[in-house]
Amino acid sequence: MPQEGLAGFYFNSALVRIAAGSHRALRVLYRTDKGWFAKLADRAVRDGKLTEGDIDWLRKVYSDVNSLKHDGHAELLQKRKVETLEQGIRSAGQLLQLLRKAV
């Protein structure tokens, strides 16, 4: 596998883990085992537990991961929202902040 392909594999893998972690953290925040990411995120903003700025990159990551899982790789490349390492790191930072609030 070419280095670029391997880098993309690891980048996408990290995004999948960030999406799963953010969904789980929102469930912990609300002490529930149920709920869609978007609904829990909307509720957290509405309840004042988070601001939109706290989770804007997590929403983008979750959207990209859903596209990767359900639409396939080619479609993701056309509409990807998280494209750079810097954006991925920003998303991971938001996940860390969310985890601090959840526990």
N, C-alpha and C. Protein backbone atom coordinates (compact mmCIF):
# COMPACT_ATOMS: atom_id res chain seq x y z
N MET A 1 0.86 -1.18 0.00
CA MET A 1 0.00 0.00 0.00
C MET A 1 0.90 1.24 0.00
N PRO A 2 0.60 2.21 -0.85
CA PRO A 2 1.39 3.45 -0.88
C PRO A 2 1.27 4.20 0.46
N GLN A 3 2.28 4.99 0.77
CA GLN A 3 2.30 5.73 2.03
C GLN A 3 1.07 6.63 2.18
N GLU A 4 0.64 7.27 1.08
CA GLU A 4 -0.54 8.15 1.16
C GLU A 4 -1.78 7.36 1.53
N GLY A 5 -1.90 6.16 0.97
CA GLY A 5 -3.05 5.32 1.30
C GLY A 5 -3.03 4.87 2.74
N LEU A 6 -1.85 4.55 3.23
CA LEU A 6 -1.70 4.14 4.61
C LEU A 6 -2.01 5.30 5.56
N ALA A 7 -1.54 6.48 5.21
CA ALA A 7 -1.83 7.66 6.04
C ALA A 7 -3.33 7.93 6.08
N GLY A 8 -3.99 7.81 4.93
CA GLY A 8 -5.44 7.99 4.88
C GLY A 8 -6.17 6.96 5.72
N PHE A 9 -5.69 5.72 5.69
CA PHE A 9 -6.29 4.66 6.48
C PHE A 9 -6.22 5.02 7.97
N TYR A 10 -5.05 5.42 8.43
CA TYR A 10 -4.90 5.76 9.85
C TYR A 10 -5.70 7.02 10.22
N PHE A 11 -5.76 7.98 9.32
CA PHE A 11 -6.54 9.20 9.57
C PHE A 11 -8.01 8.85 9.71
N ASN A 12 -8.54 8.07 8.77
CA ASN A 12 -9.95 7.67 8.84
C ASN A 12 -10.22 6.84 10.09
N SER A 13 -9.28 5.96 10.45
CA SER A 13 -9.43 5.15 11.65
C SER A 13 -9.53 6.04 12.89
N ALA A 14 -8.70 7.07 12.95
CA ALA A 14 -8.75 8.00 14.08
C ALA A 14 -10.10 8.73 14.13
N LEU A 15 -10.60 9.12 12.97
CA LEU A 15 -11.90 9.81 12.93
C LEU A 15 -13.02 8.90 13.42
N VAL A 16 -12.97 7.63 13.04
CA VAL A 16 -13.99 6.68 13.51
C VAL A 16 -13.95 6.59 15.03
N ARG A 17 -12.77 6.55 15.59
CA ARG A 17 -12.63 6.46 17.06
C ARG A 17 -13.07 7.75 17.74
N ILE A 18 -12.79 8.90 17.14
CA ILE A 18 -13.24 10.17 17.70
C ILE A 18 -14.77 10.23 17.68
N ALA A 19 -15.38 9.80 16.58
CA ALA A 19 -16.84 9.82 16.48
C ALA A 19 -17.46 8.90 17.54
N ALA A 20 -16.93 7.70 17.67
CA ALA A 20 -17.47 6.77 18.67
C ALA A 20 -17.28 7.31 20.08
N GLY A 21 -16.12 7.89 20.35
CA GLY A 21 -15.85 8.44 21.67
C GLY A 21 -16.76 9.61 22.00
N SER A 22 -17.02 10.46 21.02
CA SER A 22 -17.89 11.61 21.28
C SER A 22 -19.33 11.18 21.51
N HIS A 23 -19.78 10.17 20.77
CA HIS A 23 -21.13 9.66 20.97
C HIS A 23 -21.25 9.07 22.37
N ARG A 24 -20.27 8.27 22.76
CA ARG A 24 -20.29 7.65 24.09
C ARG A 24 -20.21 8.71 25.19
N ALA A 25 -19.40 9.73 25.00
CA ALA A 25 -19.27 10.79 26.00
C ALA A 25 -20.60 11.53 26.19
N LEU A 26 -21.32 11.76 25.10
CA LEU A 26 -22.64 12.40 25.22
C LEU A 26 -23.61 11.50 25.98
N ARG A 27 -23.51 10.20 25.75
CA ARG A 27 -24.36 9.27 26.50
C ARG A 27 -24.01 9.30 27.99
N VAL A 28 -22.73 9.39 28.31
CA VAL A 28 -22.31 9.47 29.71
C VAL A 28 -22.79 10.79 30.32
N LEU A 29 -22.69 11.87 29.55
CA LEU A 29 -23.14 13.18 30.02
C LEU A 29 -24.59 13.13 30.47
N TYR A 30 -25.41 12.37 29.74
CA TYR A 30 -26.84 12.25 30.06
C TYR A 30 -27.21 10.96 30.76
N ARG A 31 -26.21 10.17 31.14
CA ARG A 31 -26.43 8.92 31.89
C ARG A 31 -27.48 8.05 31.21
N THR A 32 -27.27 7.80 29.92
CA THR A 32 -28.20 6.98 29.15
C THR A 32 -27.43 6.07 28.21
N ASP A 33 -28.05 4.97 27.85
CA ASP A 33 -27.47 4.06 26.86
C ASP A 33 -28.13 4.24 25.49
N LYS A 34 -29.04 5.19 25.39
CA LYS A 34 -29.78 5.39 24.15
C LYS A 34 -29.59 6.81 23.65
N GLY A 35 -29.89 6.99 22.39
CA GLY A 35 -29.88 8.33 21.82
C GLY A 35 -28.91 8.47 20.67
N TRP A 36 -29.36 9.14 19.63
CA TRP A 36 -28.53 9.43 18.47
C TRP A 36 -27.58 10.56 18.81
N PHE A 37 -26.42 10.55 18.18
CA PHE A 37 -25.41 11.58 18.42
C PHE A 37 -26.01 12.98 18.23
N ALA A 38 -26.63 13.21 17.07
CA ALA A 38 -27.14 14.56 16.76
C ALA A 38 -28.18 15.03 17.77
N LYS A 39 -29.06 14.14 18.19
CA LYS A 39 -30.09 14.53 19.16
C LYS A 39 -29.48 14.83 20.53
N LEU A 40 -28.51 14.01 20.93
CA LEU A 40 -27.84 14.26 22.21
C LEU A 40 -27.04 15.55 22.16
N ALA A 41 -26.37 15.80 21.05
CA ALA A 41 -25.59 17.04 20.89
C ALA A 41 -26.51 18.25 20.91
N ASP A 42 -27.62 18.17 20.20
CA ASP A 42 -28.59 19.28 20.20
C ASP A 42 -29.12 19.52 21.61
N ARG A 43 -29.42 18.46 22.33
CA ARG A 43 -29.93 18.57 23.69
C ARG A 43 -28.89 19.22 24.60
N ALA A 44 -27.63 18.82 24.47
CA ALA A 44 -26.57 19.38 25.31
C ALA A 44 -26.42 20.88 25.07
N VAL A 45 -26.54 21.30 23.82
CA VAL A 45 -26.46 22.73 23.51
C VAL A 45 -27.70 23.44 24.06
N ARG A 46 -28.85 22.86 23.84
CA ARG A 46 -30.11 23.46 24.31
C ARG A 46 -30.13 23.58 25.84
N ASP A 47 -29.59 22.56 26.54
CA ASP A 47 -29.57 22.56 28.01
C ASP A 47 -28.44 23.43 28.58
N GLY A 48 -27.58 23.96 27.72
CA GLY A 48 -26.49 24.80 28.19
C GLY A 48 -25.29 24.04 28.73
N LYS A 49 -25.26 22.72 28.53
CA LYS A 49 -24.11 21.93 28.98
C LYS A 49 -22.93 22.11 28.05
N LEU A 50 -23.20 22.42 26.78
CA LEU A 50 -22.18 22.66 25.77
C LEU A 50 -22.60 23.83 24.91
N THR A 51 -21.63 24.44 24.25
CA THR A 51 -21.96 25.43 23.23
C THR A 51 -21.72 24.77 21.87
N GLU A 52 -22.26 25.37 20.85
CA GLU A 52 -22.03 24.82 19.51
C GLU A 52 -20.54 24.82 19.18
N GLY A 53 -19.83 25.81 19.67
CA GLY A 53 -18.39 25.86 19.46
C GLY A 53 -17.63 24.74 20.16
N ASP A 54 -18.24 24.15 21.19
CA ASP A 54 -17.62 23.02 21.88
C ASP A 54 -17.64 21.74 21.06
N ILE A 55 -18.60 21.66 20.13
CA ILE A 55 -18.79 20.38 19.42
C ILE A 55 -18.89 20.51 17.90
N ASP A 56 -18.59 21.68 17.37
CA ASP A 56 -18.76 21.85 15.92
C ASP A 56 -17.89 20.87 15.11
N TRP A 57 -16.65 20.67 15.52
CA TRP A 57 -15.79 19.73 14.79
C TRP A 57 -16.20 18.28 15.04
N LEU A 58 -16.74 17.99 16.22
CA LEU A 58 -17.23 16.63 16.48
C LEU A 58 -18.42 16.31 15.59
N ARG A 59 -19.27 17.30 15.35
CA ARG A 59 -20.39 17.09 14.43
C ARG A 59 -19.88 16.77 13.01
N LYS A 60 -18.85 17.49 12.60
CA LYS A 60 -18.28 17.25 11.26
C LYS A 60 -17.66 15.87 11.17
N VAL A 61 -16.94 15.47 12.21
CA VAL A 61 -16.34 14.13 12.23
C VAL A 61 -17.43 13.07 12.16
N TYR A 62 -18.46 13.23 12.98
CA TYR A 62 -19.54 12.24 13.01
C TYR A 62 -20.21 12.13 11.64
N SER A 63 -20.42 13.26 11.00
CA SER A 63 -21.00 13.26 9.66
C SER A 63 -20.11 12.53 8.66
N ASP A 64 -18.81 12.80 8.71
CA ASP A 64 -17.87 12.12 7.81
C ASP A 64 -17.85 10.62 8.05
N VAL A 65 -17.84 10.21 9.29
CA VAL A 65 -17.81 8.78 9.61
C VAL A 65 -19.09 8.10 9.15
N ASN A 66 -20.23 8.76 9.33
CA ASN A 66 -21.48 8.19 8.83
C ASN A 66 -21.43 8.03 7.31
N SER A 67 -20.89 9.01 6.63
CA SER A 67 -20.75 8.90 5.17
C SER A 67 -19.83 7.75 4.79
N LEU A 68 -18.75 7.61 5.52
CA LEU A 68 -17.81 6.52 5.24
C LEU A 68 -18.46 5.16 5.45
N LYS A 69 -19.24 5.04 6.52
CA LYS A 69 -19.88 3.76 6.84
C LYS A 69 -21.03 3.44 5.89
N HIS A 70 -21.81 4.44 5.51
CA HIS A 70 -23.05 4.17 4.79
C HIS A 70 -22.99 4.48 3.29
N ASP A 71 -22.19 5.46 2.89
CA ASP A 71 -22.16 5.86 1.49
C ASP A 71 -20.96 5.29 0.75
N GLY A 72 -19.92 5.00 1.45
CA GLY A 72 -18.72 4.48 0.80
C GLY A 72 -17.63 5.52 0.69
N HIS A 73 -16.46 5.04 0.34
CA HIS A 73 -15.26 5.88 0.33
C HIS A 73 -15.30 6.96 -0.75
N ALA A 74 -15.78 6.64 -1.94
CA ALA A 74 -15.77 7.61 -3.03
C ALA A 74 -16.64 8.83 -2.71
N GLU A 75 -17.81 8.58 -2.14
CA GLU A 75 -18.70 9.68 -1.80
C GLU A 75 -18.12 10.55 -0.69
N LEU A 76 -17.42 9.92 0.26
CA LEU A 76 -16.81 10.68 1.34
C LEU A 76 -15.78 11.67 0.80
N LEU A 77 -15.00 11.24 -0.16
CA LEU A 77 -13.97 12.12 -0.70
C LEU A 77 -14.56 13.36 -1.35
N GLN A 78 -15.79 13.25 -1.86
CA GLN A 78 -16.42 14.39 -2.51
C GLN A 78 -17.01 15.39 -1.52
N LYS A 79 -17.43 14.93 -0.36
CA LYS A 79 -18.12 15.83 0.57
C LYS A 79 -17.51 15.86 1.97
N ARG A 80 -16.30 15.43 2.10
CA ARG A 80 -15.61 15.37 3.39
C ARG A 80 -15.55 16.75 4.04
N LYS A 81 -15.76 16.80 5.37
CA LYS A 81 -15.71 18.05 6.11
C LYS A 81 -14.42 18.19 6.91
N VAL A 82 -13.85 17.06 7.32
CA VAL A 82 -12.60 17.06 8.07
C VAL A 82 -11.52 16.52 7.14
N GLU A 83 -10.67 17.41 6.64
CA GLU A 83 -9.72 17.02 5.59
C GLU A 83 -8.26 17.06 6.01
N THR A 84 -7.93 17.83 7.02
CA THR A 84 -6.52 18.00 7.36
C THR A 84 -6.21 17.43 8.74
N LEU A 85 -4.94 17.19 8.97
CA LEU A 85 -4.50 16.71 10.27
C LEU A 85 -4.85 17.73 11.35
N GLU A 86 -4.69 19.01 11.05
CA GLU A 86 -5.02 20.06 12.02
C GLU A 86 -6.49 19.98 12.43
N GLN A 87 -7.36 19.76 11.46
CA GLN A 87 -8.79 19.64 11.77
C GLN A 87 -9.06 18.39 12.60
N GLY A 88 -8.37 17.31 12.30
CA GLY A 88 -8.51 16.09 13.09
C GLY A 88 -8.06 16.29 14.52
N ILE A 89 -6.97 17.00 14.69
CA ILE A 89 -6.45 17.29 16.03
C ILE A 89 -7.42 18.20 16.78
N ARG A 90 -7.99 19.17 16.09
CA ARG A 90 -8.99 20.05 16.70
C ARG A 90 -10.19 19.23 17.19
N SER A 91 -10.60 18.25 16.40
CA SER A 91 -11.71 17.38 16.77
C SER A 91 -11.35 16.57 18.01
N ALA A 92 -10.13 16.05 18.06
CA ALA A 92 -9.69 15.28 19.23
C ALA A 92 -9.67 16.16 20.47
N GLY A 93 -9.28 17.42 20.32
CA GLY A 93 -9.30 18.36 21.44
C GLY A 93 -10.71 18.58 21.96
N GLN A 94 -11.67 18.69 21.04
CA GLN A 94 -13.06 18.86 21.47
C GLN A 94 -13.56 17.61 22.19
N LEU A 95 -13.13 16.44 21.74
CA LEU A 95 -13.51 15.21 22.42
C LEU A 95 -12.96 15.21 23.85
N LEU A 96 -11.72 15.62 24.03
CA LEU A 96 -11.14 15.66 25.37
C LEU A 96 -11.92 16.61 26.29
N GLN A 97 -12.31 17.77 25.77
CA GLN A 97 -13.10 18.71 26.55
C GLN A 97 -14.46 18.12 26.91
N LEU A 98 -15.08 17.42 25.97
CA LEU A 98 -16.37 16.79 26.22
C LEU A 98 -16.23 15.70 27.28
N LEU A 99 -15.18 14.92 27.21
CA LEU A 99 -14.96 13.87 28.22
C LEU A 99 -14.78 14.48 29.61
N ARG A 100 -14.10 15.60 29.70
CA ARG A 100 -13.93 16.25 31.01
C ARG A 100 -15.29 16.69 31.59
N LYS A 101 -16.18 17.14 30.73
CA LYS A 101 -17.50 17.57 31.21
C LYS A 101 -18.39 16.38 31.54
N ALA A 102 -18.16 15.26 30.86
CA ALA A 102 -19.04 14.10 31.04
C ALA A 102 -18.74 13.31 32.32
N VAL A 103 -17.48 13.37 32.76
CA VAL A 103 -17.14 12.55 33.94
C VAL A 103 -16.84 13.36 35.17
